[in-house]
Amino acid sequence: MHDMNSIRSAATASYARMWSNDPTAFAEPLYRVSSRNTRIMSSTPIDLSANGDPGLIDLKSAGNFVYALSPGNGTTEAAITVLDVSGGQGSAKQAQHFCLAGFATSSAQGMAVLV
């Protein structure tokens, strides 16, 4: 269970990650963006190259976690990456990665997080 301060904190900011078609790209930044005026509040380099996703297009935050959808590209399956941001700014790390084979195709888009 998350306390209201961490939920409020996660709700005040959106997260975004640069799209990459380069499978060898690594340590791309994860941006924390203000939901009020879209200014970049912080960026964290994070290496997600091991999961093989070509890019993350839809990110949602809930509590201390960021859920990121990768739609796949025809060679890779759609997948969700879960990032743990509980350690504060600069601490994002991959907590979980799971393939959506059988649930989504390479044209997957949109995601909701129910808390």
PDB file of N, CA and C in Angstrom:
ATOM      1  N   MET A   1       0.842  -1.173   0.000  1.00  0.00           N
ATOM      2  CA  MET A   1       0.000   0.000   0.000  1.00  0.00           C
ATOM      3  C   MET A   1       0.892   1.243   0.000  1.00  0.00           C
ATOM      4  N   HIS A   2       0.564   2.216  -0.828  1.00  0.00           N
ATOM      5  CA  HIS A   2       1.358   3.442  -0.920  1.00  0.00           C
ATOM      6  C   HIS A   2       0.689   4.551  -0.120  1.00  0.00           C
ATOM      7  N   ASP A   3       1.489   5.412   0.506  1.00  0.00           N
ATOM      8  CA  ASP A   3       0.897   6.513   1.230  1.00  0.00           C
ATOM      9  C   ASP A   3       0.430   7.598   0.257  1.00  0.00           C
ATOM     10  N   MET A   4      -0.459   8.474   0.728  1.00  0.00           N
ATOM     11  CA  MET A   4      -1.055   9.495  -0.138  1.00  0.00           C
ATOM     12  C   MET A   4      -0.018  10.466  -0.684  1.00  0.00           C
ATOM     13  N   ASN A   5       1.054  10.756   0.062  1.00  0.00           N
ATOM     14  CA  ASN A   5       2.073  11.680  -0.430  1.00  0.00           C
ATOM     15  C   ASN A   5       2.774  11.135  -1.661  1.00  0.00           C
ATOM     16  N   SER A   6       3.106   9.841  -1.661  1.00  0.00           N
ATOM     17  CA  SER A   6       3.788   9.284  -2.828  1.00  0.00           C
ATOM     18  C   SER A   6       2.839   9.204  -4.011  1.00  0.00           C
ATOM     19  N   ILE A   7       1.555   8.920  -3.761  1.00  0.00           N
ATOM     20  CA  ILE A   7       0.585   8.885  -4.859  1.00  0.00           C
ATOM     21  C   ILE A   7       0.407  10.285  -5.419  1.00  0.00           C
ATOM     22  N   ARG A   8       0.277  11.281  -4.532  1.00  0.00           N
ATOM     23  CA  ARG A   8       0.133  12.659  -4.984  1.00  0.00           C
ATOM     24  C   ARG A   8       1.365  13.101  -5.767  1.00  0.00           C
ATOM     25  N   SER A   9       2.535  12.736  -5.265  1.00  0.00           N
ATOM     26  CA  SER A   9       3.782  13.098  -5.923  1.00  0.00           C
ATOM     27  C   SER A   9       3.848  12.494  -7.322  1.00  0.00           C
ATOM     28  N   ALA A  10       3.460  11.237  -7.459  1.00  0.00           N
ATOM     29  CA  ALA A  10       3.483  10.588  -8.770  1.00  0.00           C
ATOM     30  C   ALA A  10       2.442  11.197  -9.688  1.00  0.00           C
ATOM     31  N   ALA A  11       1.310  11.620  -9.128  1.00  0.00           N
ATOM     32  CA  ALA A  11       0.248  12.190  -9.953  1.00  0.00           C
ATOM     33  C   ALA A  11       0.599  13.589 -10.440  1.00  0.00           C
ATOM     34  N   THR A  12       1.496  14.290  -9.745  1.00  0.00           N
ATOM     35  CA  THR A  12       1.844  15.651 -10.145  1.00  0.00           C
ATOM     36  C   THR A  12       2.756  15.676 -11.352  1.00  0.00           C
ATOM     37  N   ALA A  13       3.377  14.583 -11.661  1.00  0.00           N
ATOM     38  CA  ALA A  13       4.322  14.562 -12.779  1.00  0.00           C
ATOM     39  C   ALA A  13       4.034  13.390 -13.698  1.00  0.00           C
ATOM     40  N   SER A  14       4.317  13.603 -14.957  1.00  0.00           N
ATOM     41  CA  SER A  14       4.217  12.526 -15.935  1.00  0.00           C
ATOM     42  C   SER A  14       5.633  12.108 -16.273  1.00  0.00           C
ATOM     43  N   TYR A  15       5.794  10.900 -16.762  1.00  0.00           N
ATOM     44  CA  TYR A  15       7.103  10.425 -17.164  1.00  0.00           C
ATOM     45  C   TYR A  15       7.100  10.180 -18.655  1.00  0.00           C
ATOM     46  N   ALA A  16       8.233  10.409 -19.302  1.00  0.00           N
ATOM     47  CA  ALA A  16       8.352  10.167 -20.737  1.00  0.00           C
ATOM     48  C   ALA A  16       9.740   9.631 -21.029  1.00  0.00           C
ATOM     49  N   ARG A  17       9.851   8.879 -22.080  1.00  0.00           N
ATOM     50  CA  ARG A  17      11.160   8.363 -22.488  1.00  0.00           C
ATOM     51  C   ARG A  17      11.286   8.566 -23.983  1.00  0.00           C
ATOM     52  N   MET A  18      12.463   8.906 -24.438  1.00  0.00           N
ATOM     53  CA  MET A  18      12.702   9.113 -25.855  1.00  0.00           C
ATOM     54  C   MET A  18      12.489   7.810 -26.608  1.00  0.00           C
ATOM     55  N   TRP A  19      11.865   7.891 -27.785  1.00  0.00           N
ATOM     56  CA  TRP A  19      11.675   6.734 -28.651  1.00  0.00           C
ATOM     57  C   TRP A  19      13.002   6.427 -29.317  1.00  0.00           C
ATOM     58  N   SER A  20      13.313   5.172 -29.446  1.00  0.00           N
ATOM     59  CA  SER A  20      14.564   4.798 -30.087  1.00  0.00           C
ATOM     60  C   SER A  20      14.335   3.637 -31.029  1.00  0.00           C
ATOM     61  N   ASN A  21      14.798   3.763 -32.268  1.00  0.00           N
ATOM     62  CA  ASN A  21      14.740   2.652 -33.209  1.00  0.00           C
ATOM     63  C   ASN A  21      16.061   1.909 -33.228  1.00  0.00           C
ATOM     64  N   ASP A  22      16.994   2.348 -32.436  1.00  0.00           N
ATOM     65  CA  ASP A  22      18.319   1.742 -32.397  1.00  0.00           C
ATOM     66  C   ASP A  22      18.385   0.722 -31.269  1.00  0.00           C
ATOM     67  N   PRO A  23      18.373  -0.582 -31.596  1.00  0.00           N
ATOM     68  CA  PRO A  23      18.381  -1.595 -30.547  1.00  0.00           C
ATOM     69  C   PRO A  23      19.661  -1.609 -29.721  1.00  0.00           C
ATOM     70  N   THR A  24      20.707  -0.921 -30.188  1.00  0.00           N
ATOM     71  CA  THR A  24      21.953  -0.876 -29.424  1.00  0.00           C
ATOM     72  C   THR A  24      22.007   0.342 -28.506  1.00  0.00           C
ATOM     73  N   ALA A  25      20.968   1.178 -28.569  1.00  0.00           N
ATOM     74  CA  ALA A  25      20.954   2.373 -27.723  1.00  0.00           C
ATOM     75  C   ALA A  25      20.871   1.959 -26.257  1.00  0.00           C
ATOM     76  N   PHE A  26      21.530   2.707 -25.398  1.00  0.00           N
ATOM     77  CA  PHE A  26      21.485   2.389 -23.977  1.00  0.00           C
ATOM     78  C   PHE A  26      21.524   3.669 -23.179  1.00  0.00           C
ATOM     79  N   ALA A  27      21.174   3.564 -21.933  1.00  0.00           N
ATOM     80  CA  ALA A  27      21.184   4.696 -21.000  1.00  0.00           C
ATOM     81  C   ALA A  27      20.486   5.914 -21.570  1.00  0.00           C
ATOM     82  N   GLU A  28      19.336   5.683 -22.184  1.00  0.00           N
ATOM     83  CA  GLU A  28      18.546   6.809 -22.664  1.00  0.00           C
ATOM     84  C   GLU A  28      17.860   7.450 -21.468  1.00  0.00           C
ATOM     85  N   PRO A  29      17.608   8.737 -21.544  1.00  0.00           N
ATOM     86  CA  PRO A  29      17.037   9.392 -20.366  1.00  0.00           C
ATOM     87  C   PRO A  29      15.551   9.103 -20.179  1.00  0.00           C
ATOM     88  N   LEU A  30      15.159   9.010 -18.938  1.00  0.00           N
ATOM     89  CA  LEU A  30      13.763   8.974 -18.535  1.00  0.00           C
ATOM     90  C   LEU A  30      13.492  10.376 -18.009  1.00  0.00           C
ATOM     91  N   TYR A  31      12.525  11.071 -18.590  1.00  0.00           N
ATOM     92  CA  TYR A  31      12.253  12.449 -18.210  1.00  0.00           C
ATOM     93  C   TYR A  31      11.066  12.524 -17.267  1.00  0.00           C
ATOM     94  N   ARG A  32      11.183  13.346 -16.241  1.00  0.00           N
ATOM     95  CA  ARG A  32      10.048  13.664 -15.374  1.00  0.00           C
ATOM     96  C   ARG A  32       9.553  15.023 -15.845  1.00  0.00           C
ATOM     97  N   VAL A  33       8.287  15.062 -16.270  1.00  0.00           N
ATOM     98  CA  VAL A  33       7.733  16.257 -16.901  1.00  0.00           C
ATOM     99  C   VAL A  33       6.565  16.772 -16.067  1.00  0.00           C
ATOM    100  N   SER A  34       6.508  18.090 -15.867  1.00  0.00           N
ATOM    101  CA  SER A  34       5.415  18.689 -15.115  1.00  0.00           C
ATOM    102  C   SER A  34       4.107  18.516 -15.877  1.00  0.00           C
ATOM    103  N   SER A  35       3.061  18.076 -15.185  1.00  0.00           N
ATOM    104  CA  SER A  35       1.756  17.934 -15.829  1.00  0.00           C
ATOM    105  C   SER A  35       1.036  19.278 -15.909  1.00  0.00           C
ATOM    106  N   ARG A  36       1.586  20.290 -15.263  1.00  0.00           N
ATOM    107  CA  ARG A  36       0.969  21.620 -15.302  1.00  0.00           C
ATOM    108  C   ARG A  36       1.419  22.430 -16.512  1.00  0.00           C
ATOM    109  N   ASN A  37       2.716  22.396 -16.826  1.00  0.00           N
ATOM    110  CA  ASN A  37       3.212  23.240 -17.914  1.00  0.00           C
ATOM    111  C   ASN A  37       4.175  22.504 -18.847  1.00  0.00           C
ATOM    112  N   THR A  38       4.276  21.212 -18.746  1.00  0.00           N
ATOM    113  CA  THR A  38       5.111  20.343 -19.591  1.00  0.00           C
ATOM    114  C   THR A  38       6.608  20.647 -19.546  1.00  0.00           C
ATOM    115  N   ARG A  39       7.066  21.334 -18.538  1.00  0.00           N
ATOM    116  CA  ARG A  39       8.507  21.569 -18.392  1.00  0.00           C
ATOM    117  C   ARG A  39       9.188  20.309 -17.879  1.00  0.00           C
ATOM    118  N   ILE A  40      10.411  20.088 -18.345  1.00  0.00           N
ATOM    119  CA  ILE A  40      11.194  18.955 -17.858  1.00  0.00           C
ATOM    120  C   ILE A  40      11.662  19.283 -16.448  1.00  0.00           C
ATOM    121  N   MET A  41      11.293  18.430 -15.492  1.00  0.00           N
ATOM    122  CA  MET A  41      11.665  18.645 -14.098  1.00  0.00           C
ATOM    123  C   MET A  41      12.980  17.956 -13.761  1.00  0.00           C
ATOM    124  N   SER A  42      13.231  16.809 -14.382  1.00  0.00           N
ATOM    125  CA  SER A  42      14.483  16.085 -14.172  1.00  0.00           C
ATOM    126  C   SER A  42      14.620  15.019 -15.243  1.00  0.00           C
ATOM    127  N   SER A  43      15.821  14.504 -15.390  1.00  0.00           N
ATOM    128  CA  SER A  43      16.033  13.383 -16.307  1.00  0.00           C
ATOM    129  C   SER A  43      16.984  12.400 -15.643  1.00  0.00           C
ATOM    130  N   THR A  44      16.754  11.125 -15.923  1.00  0.00           N
ATOM    131  CA  THR A  44      17.550  10.054 -15.340  1.00  0.00           C
ATOM    132  C   THR A  44      18.009   9.130 -16.445  1.00  0.00           C
ATOM    133  N   PRO A  45      19.320   8.970 -16.667  1.00  0.00           N
ATOM    134  CA  PRO A  45      19.752   7.986 -17.656  1.00  0.00           C
ATOM    135  C   PRO A  45      19.469   6.585 -17.119  1.00  0.00           C
ATOM    136  N   ILE A  46      18.865   5.750 -17.953  1.00  0.00           N
ATOM    137  CA  ILE A  46      18.539   4.393 -17.521  1.00  0.00           C
ATOM    138  C   ILE A  46      18.777   3.435 -18.677  1.00  0.00           C
ATOM    139  N   ASP A  47      19.487   2.368 -18.405  1.00  0.00           N
ATOM    140  CA  ASP A  47      19.822   1.386 -19.434  1.00  0.00           C
ATOM    141  C   ASP A  47      18.792   0.265 -19.425  1.00  0.00           C
ATOM    142  N   LEU A  48      17.934   0.259 -20.441  1.00  0.00           N
ATOM    143  CA  LEU A  48      16.925  -0.787 -20.575  1.00  0.00           C
ATOM    144  C   LEU A  48      17.200  -1.655 -21.796  1.00  0.00           C
ATOM    145  N   SER A  49      18.426  -1.614 -22.303  1.00  0.00           N
ATOM    146  CA  SER A  49      18.760  -2.343 -23.528  1.00  0.00           C
ATOM    147  C   SER A  49      18.615  -3.853 -23.374  1.00  0.00           C
ATOM    148  N   ALA A  50      18.773  -4.371 -22.177  1.00  0.00           N
ATOM    149  CA  ALA A  50      18.705  -5.825 -21.971  1.00  0.00           C
ATOM    150  C   ALA A  50      17.327  -6.400 -22.259  1.00  0.00           C
ATOM    151  N   ASN A  51      16.270  -5.582 -22.141  1.00  0.00           N
ATOM    152  CA  ASN A  51      14.936  -6.131 -22.373  1.00  0.00           C
ATOM    153  C   ASN A  51      14.569  -6.196 -23.854  1.00  0.00           C
ATOM    154  N   GLY A  52      15.352  -5.564 -24.735  1.00  0.00           N
ATOM    155  CA  GLY A  52      15.150  -5.680 -26.173  1.00  0.00           C
ATOM    156  C   GLY A  52      14.014  -4.861 -26.751  1.00  0.00           C
ATOM    157  N   ASP A  53      13.355  -4.045 -25.946  1.00  0.00           N
ATOM    158  CA  ASP A  53      12.258  -3.226 -26.464  1.00  0.00           C
ATOM    159  C   ASP A  53      12.796  -2.132 -27.377  1.00  0.00           C
ATOM    160  N   PRO A  54      12.121  -1.882 -28.512  1.00  0.00           N
ATOM    161  CA  PRO A  54      12.589  -0.855 -29.436  1.00  0.00           C
ATOM    162  C   PRO A  54      12.278   0.564 -28.972  1.00  0.00           C
ATOM    163  N   GLY A  55      11.408   0.739 -28.019  1.00  0.00           N
ATOM    164  CA  GLY A  55      11.069   2.066 -27.514  1.00  0.00           C
ATOM    165  C   GLY A  55       9.837   2.002 -26.645  1.00  0.00           C
ATOM    166  N   LEU A  56       9.637   3.008 -25.825  1.00  0.00           N
ATOM    167  CA  LEU A  56       8.485   3.065 -24.935  1.00  0.00           C
ATOM    168  C   LEU A  56       7.601   4.224 -25.365  1.00  0.00           C
ATOM    169  N   ILE A  57       6.311   3.949 -25.604  1.00  0.00           N
ATOM    170  CA  ILE A  57       5.452   4.997 -26.152  1.00  0.00           C
ATOM    171  C   ILE A  57       4.401   5.512 -25.188  1.00  0.00           C
ATOM    172  N   ASP A  58       4.085   4.760 -24.161  1.00  0.00           N
ATOM    173  CA  ASP A  58       3.036   5.183 -23.244  1.00  0.00           C
ATOM    174  C   ASP A  58       3.481   4.857 -21.832  1.00  0.00           C
ATOM    175  N   LEU A  59       3.569   5.866 -20.994  1.00  0.00           N
ATOM    176  CA  LEU A  59       4.034   5.669 -19.624  1.00  0.00           C
ATOM    177  C   LEU A  59       2.992   6.187 -18.647  1.00  0.00           C
ATOM    178  N   LYS A  60       2.748   5.431 -17.599  1.00  0.00           N
ATOM    179  CA  LYS A  60       1.813   5.824 -16.544  1.00  0.00           C
ATOM    180  C   LYS A  60       2.507   5.621 -15.205  1.00  0.00           C
ATOM    181  N   SER A  61       2.231   6.519 -14.260  1.00  0.00           N
ATOM    182  CA  SER A  61       2.834   6.360 -12.939  1.00  0.00           C
ATOM    183  C   SER A  61       1.757   6.081 -11.905  1.00  0.00           C
ATOM    184  N   ALA A  62       2.100   5.269 -10.930  1.00  0.00           N
ATOM    185  CA  ALA A  62       1.215   4.966  -9.805  1.00  0.00           C
ATOM    186  C   ALA A  62       2.103   4.650  -8.610  1.00  0.00           C
ATOM    187  N   GLY A  63       1.982   5.455  -7.573  1.00  0.00           N
ATOM    188  CA  GLY A  63       2.815   5.249  -6.389  1.00  0.00           C
ATOM    189  C   GLY A  63       4.281   5.386  -6.722  1.00  0.00           C
ATOM    190  N   ASN A  64       5.065   4.380  -6.398  1.00  0.00           N
ATOM    191  CA  ASN A  64       6.510   4.412  -6.629  1.00  0.00           C
ATOM    192  C   ASN A  64       6.925   3.703  -7.907  1.00  0.00           C
ATOM    193  N   PHE A  65       5.978   3.492  -8.816  1.00  0.00           N
ATOM    194  CA  PHE A  65       6.283   2.741 -10.032  1.00  0.00           C
ATOM    195  C   PHE A  65       5.824   3.480 -11.277  1.00  0.00           C
ATOM    196  N   VAL A  66       6.576   3.282 -12.358  1.00  0.00           N
ATOM    197  CA  VAL A  66       6.210   3.799 -13.674  1.00  0.00           C
ATOM    198  C   VAL A  66       6.034   2.582 -14.570  1.00  0.00           C
ATOM    199  N   TYR A  67       4.898   2.511 -15.243  1.00  0.00           N
ATOM    200  CA  TYR A  67       4.575   1.404 -16.141  1.00  0.00           C
ATOM    201  C   TYR A  67       4.718   1.916 -17.563  1.00  0.00           C
ATOM    202  N   ALA A  68       5.531   1.236 -18.373  1.00  0.00           N
ATOM    203  CA  ALA A  68       5.846   1.717 -19.716  1.00  0.00           C
ATOM    204  C   ALA A  68       5.505   0.658 -20.760  1.00  0.00           C
ATOM    205  N   LEU A  69       4.759   1.068 -21.790  1.00  0.00           N
ATOM    206  CA  LEU A  69       4.358   0.166 -22.864  1.00  0.00           C
ATOM    207  C   LEU A  69       5.304   0.293 -24.042  1.00  0.00           C
ATOM    208  N   SER A  70       5.779  -0.831 -24.525  1.00  0.00           N
ATOM    209  CA  SER A  70       6.519  -0.891 -25.784  1.00  0.00           C
ATOM    210  C   SER A  70       5.643  -1.687 -26.748  1.00  0.00           C
ATOM    211  N   PRO A  71       5.268  -1.101 -27.901  1.00  0.00           N
ATOM    212  CA  PRO A  71       4.328  -1.777 -28.787  1.00  0.00           C
ATOM    213  C   PRO A  71       4.936  -2.918 -29.593  1.00  0.00           C
ATOM    214  N   GLY A  72       6.235  -3.071 -29.549  1.00  0.00           N
ATOM    215  CA  GLY A  72       6.878  -4.062 -30.410  1.00  0.00           C
ATOM    216  C   GLY A  72       7.064  -3.457 -31.798  1.00  0.00           C
ATOM    217  N   ASN A  73       7.674  -4.198 -32.682  1.00  0.00           N
ATOM    218  CA  ASN A  73       7.935  -3.652 -34.016  1.00  0.00           C
ATOM    219  C   ASN A  73       7.800  -4.700 -35.116  1.00  0.00           C
ATOM    220  N   GLY A  74       7.127  -5.775 -34.841  1.00  0.00           N
ATOM    221  CA  GLY A  74       7.016  -6.846 -35.816  1.00  0.00           C
ATOM    222  C   GLY A  74       8.029  -7.952 -35.567  1.00  0.00           C
ATOM    223  N   THR A  75       9.181  -7.589 -35.044  1.00  0.00           N
ATOM    224  CA  THR A  75      10.194  -8.593 -34.682  1.00  0.00           C
ATOM    225  C   THR A  75      10.159  -8.854 -33.187  1.00  0.00           C
ATOM    226  N   THR A  76       9.796  -7.845 -32.421  1.00  0.00           N
ATOM    227  CA  THR A  76       9.667  -8.003 -30.971  1.00  0.00           C
ATOM    228  C   THR A  76       8.191  -7.900 -30.594  1.00  0.00           C
ATOM    229  N   GLU A  77       7.818  -8.580 -29.532  1.00  0.00           N
ATOM    230  CA  GLU A  77       6.434  -8.548 -29.042  1.00  0.00           C
ATOM    231  C   GLU A  77       6.196  -7.274 -28.227  1.00  0.00           C
ATOM    232  N   ALA A  78       4.931  -6.867 -28.141  1.00  0.00           N
ATOM    233  CA  ALA A  78       4.571  -5.779 -27.242  1.00  0.00           C
ATOM    234  C   ALA A  78       4.912  -6.213 -25.816  1.00  0.00           C
ATOM    235  N   ALA A  79       5.315  -5.250 -24.984  1.00  0.00           N
ATOM    236  CA  ALA A  79       5.731  -5.586 -23.621  1.00  0.00           C
ATOM    237  C   ALA A  79       5.493  -4.410 -22.685  1.00  0.00           C
ATOM    238  N   ILE A  80       5.455  -4.713 -21.406  1.00  0.00           N
ATOM    239  CA  ILE A  80       5.361  -3.697 -20.356  1.00  0.00           C
ATOM    240  C   ILE A  80       6.637  -3.775 -19.521  1.00  0.00           C
ATOM    241  N   THR A  81       7.241  -2.619 -19.278  1.00  0.00           N
ATOM    242  CA  THR A  81       8.386  -2.522 -18.379  1.00  0.00           C
ATOM    243  C   THR A  81       7.923  -1.753 -17.151  1.00  0.00           C
ATOM    244  N   VAL A  82       8.227  -2.262 -15.980  1.00  0.00           N
ATOM    245  CA  VAL A  82       7.877  -1.589 -14.728  1.00  0.00           C
ATOM    246  C   VAL A  82       9.166  -1.040 -14.128  1.00  0.00           C
ATOM    247  N   LEU A  83       9.170   0.268 -13.867  1.00  0.00           N
ATOM    248  CA  LEU A  83      10.331   0.928 -13.272  1.00  0.00           C
ATOM    249  C   LEU A  83      10.027   1.288 -11.821  1.00  0.00           C
ATOM    250  N   ASP A  84      10.967   1.012 -10.953  1.00  0.00           N
ATOM    251  CA  ASP A  84      10.862   1.369  -9.540  1.00  0.00           C
ATOM    252  C   ASP A  84      11.541   2.717  -9.354  1.00  0.00           C
ATOM    253  N   VAL A  85      10.771   3.728  -8.944  1.00  0.00           N
ATOM    254  CA  VAL A  85      11.327   5.066  -8.728  1.00  0.00           C
ATOM    255  C   VAL A  85      11.236   5.456  -7.248  1.00  0.00           C
ATOM    256  N   SER A  86      11.141   4.452  -6.373  1.00  0.00           N
ATOM    257  CA  SER A  86      10.952   4.701  -4.941  1.00  0.00           C
ATOM    258  C   SER A  86      12.151   5.365  -4.274  1.00  0.00           C
ATOM    259  N   GLY A  87      13.322   5.264  -4.879  1.00  0.00           N
ATOM    260  CA  GLY A  87      14.519   5.848  -4.280  1.00  0.00           C
ATOM    261  C   GLY A  87      14.678   7.329  -4.538  1.00  0.00           C
ATOM    262  N   GLY A  88      13.721   7.947  -5.223  1.00  0.00           N
ATOM    263  CA  GLY A  88      13.802   9.374  -5.506  1.00  0.00           C
ATOM    264  C   GLY A  88      14.486   9.655  -6.829  1.00  0.00           C
ATOM    265  N   GLN A  89      14.740  10.935  -7.067  1.00  0.00           N
ATOM    266  CA  GLN A  89      15.319  11.387  -8.326  1.00  0.00           C
ATOM    267  C   GLN A  89      16.634  10.676  -8.627  1.00  0.00           C
ATOM    268  N   GLY A  90      16.755  10.174  -9.857  1.00  0.00           N
ATOM    269  CA  GLY A  90      17.978   9.526 -10.300  1.00  0.00           C
ATOM    270  C   GLY A  90      18.096   8.060  -9.932  1.00  0.00           C
ATOM    271  N   SER A  91      17.059   7.502  -9.299  1.00  0.00           N
ATOM    272  CA  SER A  91      17.172   6.125  -8.810  1.00  0.00           C
ATOM    273  C   SER A  91      16.383   5.106  -9.628  1.00  0.00           C
ATOM    274  N   ALA A  92      15.774   5.505 -10.724  1.00  0.00           N
ATOM    275  CA  ALA A  92      14.919   4.590 -11.497  1.00  0.00           C
ATOM    276  C   ALA A  92      15.676   3.330 -11.893  1.00  0.00           C
ATOM    277  N   LYS A  93      15.012   2.183 -11.684  1.00  0.00           N
ATOM    278  CA  LYS A  93      15.608   0.915 -12.109  1.00  0.00           C
ATOM    279  C   LYS A  93      14.481  -0.016 -12.552  1.00  0.00           C
ATOM    280  N   GLN A  94      14.799  -0.895 -13.476  1.00  0.00           N
ATOM    281  CA  GLN A  94      13.799  -1.832 -13.973  1.00  0.00           C
ATOM    282  C   GLN A  94      13.460  -2.834 -12.876  1.00  0.00           C
ATOM    283  N   ALA A  95      12.172  -2.935 -12.548  1.00  0.00           N
ATOM    284  CA  ALA A  95      11.726  -3.876 -11.525  1.00  0.00           C
ATOM    285  C   ALA A  95      11.133  -5.124 -12.156  1.00  0.00           C
ATOM    286  N   GLN A  96      10.527  -4.961 -13.339  1.00  0.00           N
ATOM    287  CA  GLN A  96       9.855  -6.085 -13.974  1.00  0.00           C
ATOM    288  C   GLN A  96       9.704  -5.799 -15.461  1.00  0.00           C
ATOM    289  N   HIS A  97       9.681  -6.851 -16.254  1.00  0.00           N
ATOM    290  CA  HIS A  97       9.458  -6.738 -17.698  1.00  0.00           C
ATOM    291  C   HIS A  97       8.674  -7.959 -18.122  1.00  0.00           C
ATOM    292  N   PHE A  98       7.546  -7.745 -18.789  1.00  0.00           N
ATOM    293  CA  PHE A  98       6.799  -8.912 -19.242  1.00  0.00           C
ATOM    294  C   PHE A  98       6.211  -8.688 -20.623  1.00  0.00           C
ATOM    295  N   CYS A  99       6.253  -9.740 -21.403  1.00  0.00           N
ATOM    296  CA  CYS A  99       5.800  -9.748 -22.786  1.00  0.00           C
ATOM    297  C   CYS A  99       4.277  -9.879 -22.824  1.00  0.00           C
ATOM    298  N   LEU A 100       3.645  -9.205 -23.778  1.00  0.00           N
ATOM    299  CA  LEU A 100       2.194  -9.240 -23.902  1.00  0.00           C
ATOM    300  C   LEU A 100       1.721 -10.158 -25.029  1.00  0.00           C
ATOM    301  N   ALA A 101       2.552 -11.118 -25.418  1.00  0.00           N
ATOM    302  CA  ALA A 101       2.175 -12.055 -26.483  1.00  0.00           C
ATOM    303  C   ALA A 101       0.837 -12.703 -26.130  1.00  0.00           C
ATOM    304  N   GLY A 102      -0.065 -12.709 -27.091  1.00  0.00           N
ATOM    305  CA  GLY A 102      -1.386 -13.265 -26.858  1.00  0.00           C
ATOM    306  C   GLY A 102      -2.382 -12.248 -26.329  1.00  0.00           C
ATOM    307  N   PHE A 103      -1.887 -11.115 -25.817  1.00  0.00           N
ATOM    308  CA  PHE A 103      -2.754 -10.058 -25.306  1.00  0.00           C
ATOM    309  C   PHE A 103      -2.734  -8.821 -26.191  1.00  0.00           C
ATOM    310  N   ALA A 104      -1.623  -8.578 -26.872  1.00  0.00           N
ATOM    311  CA  ALA A 104      -1.473  -7.369 -27.683  1.00  0.00           C
ATOM    312  C   ALA A 104      -0.626  -7.687 -28.909  1.00  0.00           C
ATOM    313  N   THR A 105      -0.770  -6.854 -29.938  1.00  0.00           N
ATOM    314  CA  THR A 105       0.006  -7.029 -31.168  1.00  0.00           C
ATOM    315  C   THR A 105       1.041  -5.921 -31.266  1.00  0.00           C
ATOM    316  N   SER A 106       1.751  -5.876 -32.386  1.00  0.00           N
ATOM    317  CA  SER A 106       2.778  -4.842 -32.561  1.00  0.00           C
ATOM    318  C   SER A 106       2.168  -3.467 -32.825  1.00  0.00           C
ATOM    319  N   SER A 107       0.841  -3.380 -32.859  1.00  0.00           N
ATOM    320  CA  SER A 107       0.206  -2.066 -32.998  1.00  0.00           C
ATOM    321  C   SER A 107      -0.429  -1.631 -31.674  1.00  0.00           C
ATOM    322  N   ALA A 108       0.019  -2.214 -30.568  1.00  0.00           N
ATOM    323  CA  ALA A 108      -0.523  -1.876 -29.245  1.00  0.00           C
ATOM    324  C   ALA A 108      -0.288  -0.406 -28.945  1.00  0.00           C
ATOM    325  N   GLN A 109      -1.311   0.239 -28.393  1.00  0.00           N
ATOM    326  CA  GLN A 109      -1.154   1.623 -27.965  1.00  0.00           C
ATOM    327  C   GLN A 109      -2.172   1.931 -26.879  1.00  0.00           C
ATOM    328  N   GLY A 110      -1.793   2.817 -25.995  1.00  0.00           N
ATOM    329  CA  GLY A 110      -2.661   3.186 -24.891  1.00  0.00           C
ATOM    330  C   GLY A 110      -2.551   2.203 -23.742  1.00  0.00           C
ATOM    331  N   MET A 111      -2.625   2.740 -22.544  1.00  0.00           N
ATOM    332  CA  MET A 111      -2.490   1.904 -21.363  1.00  0.00           C
ATOM    333  C   MET A 111      -3.155   2.628 -20.197  1.00  0.00           C
ATOM    334  N   ALA A 112      -3.734   1.879 -19.282  1.00  0.00           N
ATOM    335  CA  ALA A 112      -4.322   2.446 -18.069  1.00  0.00           C
ATOM    336  C   ALA A 112      -3.779   1.684 -16.872  1.00  0.00           C
ATOM    337  N   VAL A 113      -3.580   2.390 -15.784  1.00  0.00           N
ATOM    338  CA  VAL A 113      -3.143   1.762 -14.541  1.00  0.00           C
ATOM    339  C   VAL A 113      -4.262   1.976 -13.537  1.00  0.00           C
ATOM    340  N   LEU A 114      -4.808   0.891 -13.021  1.00  0.00           N
ATOM    341  CA  LEU A 114      -5.878   0.983 -12.032  1.00  0.00           C
ATOM    342  C   LEU A 114      -5.282   0.766 -10.650  1.00  0.00           C
ATOM    343  N   VAL A 115      -5.518   1.707  -9.772  1.00  0.00           N
ATOM    344  CA  VAL A 115      -4.962   1.626  -8.423  1.00  0.00           C
ATOM    345  C   VAL A 115      -6.089   1.410  -7.440  1.00  0.00           C
TER     346      VAL A 115
END
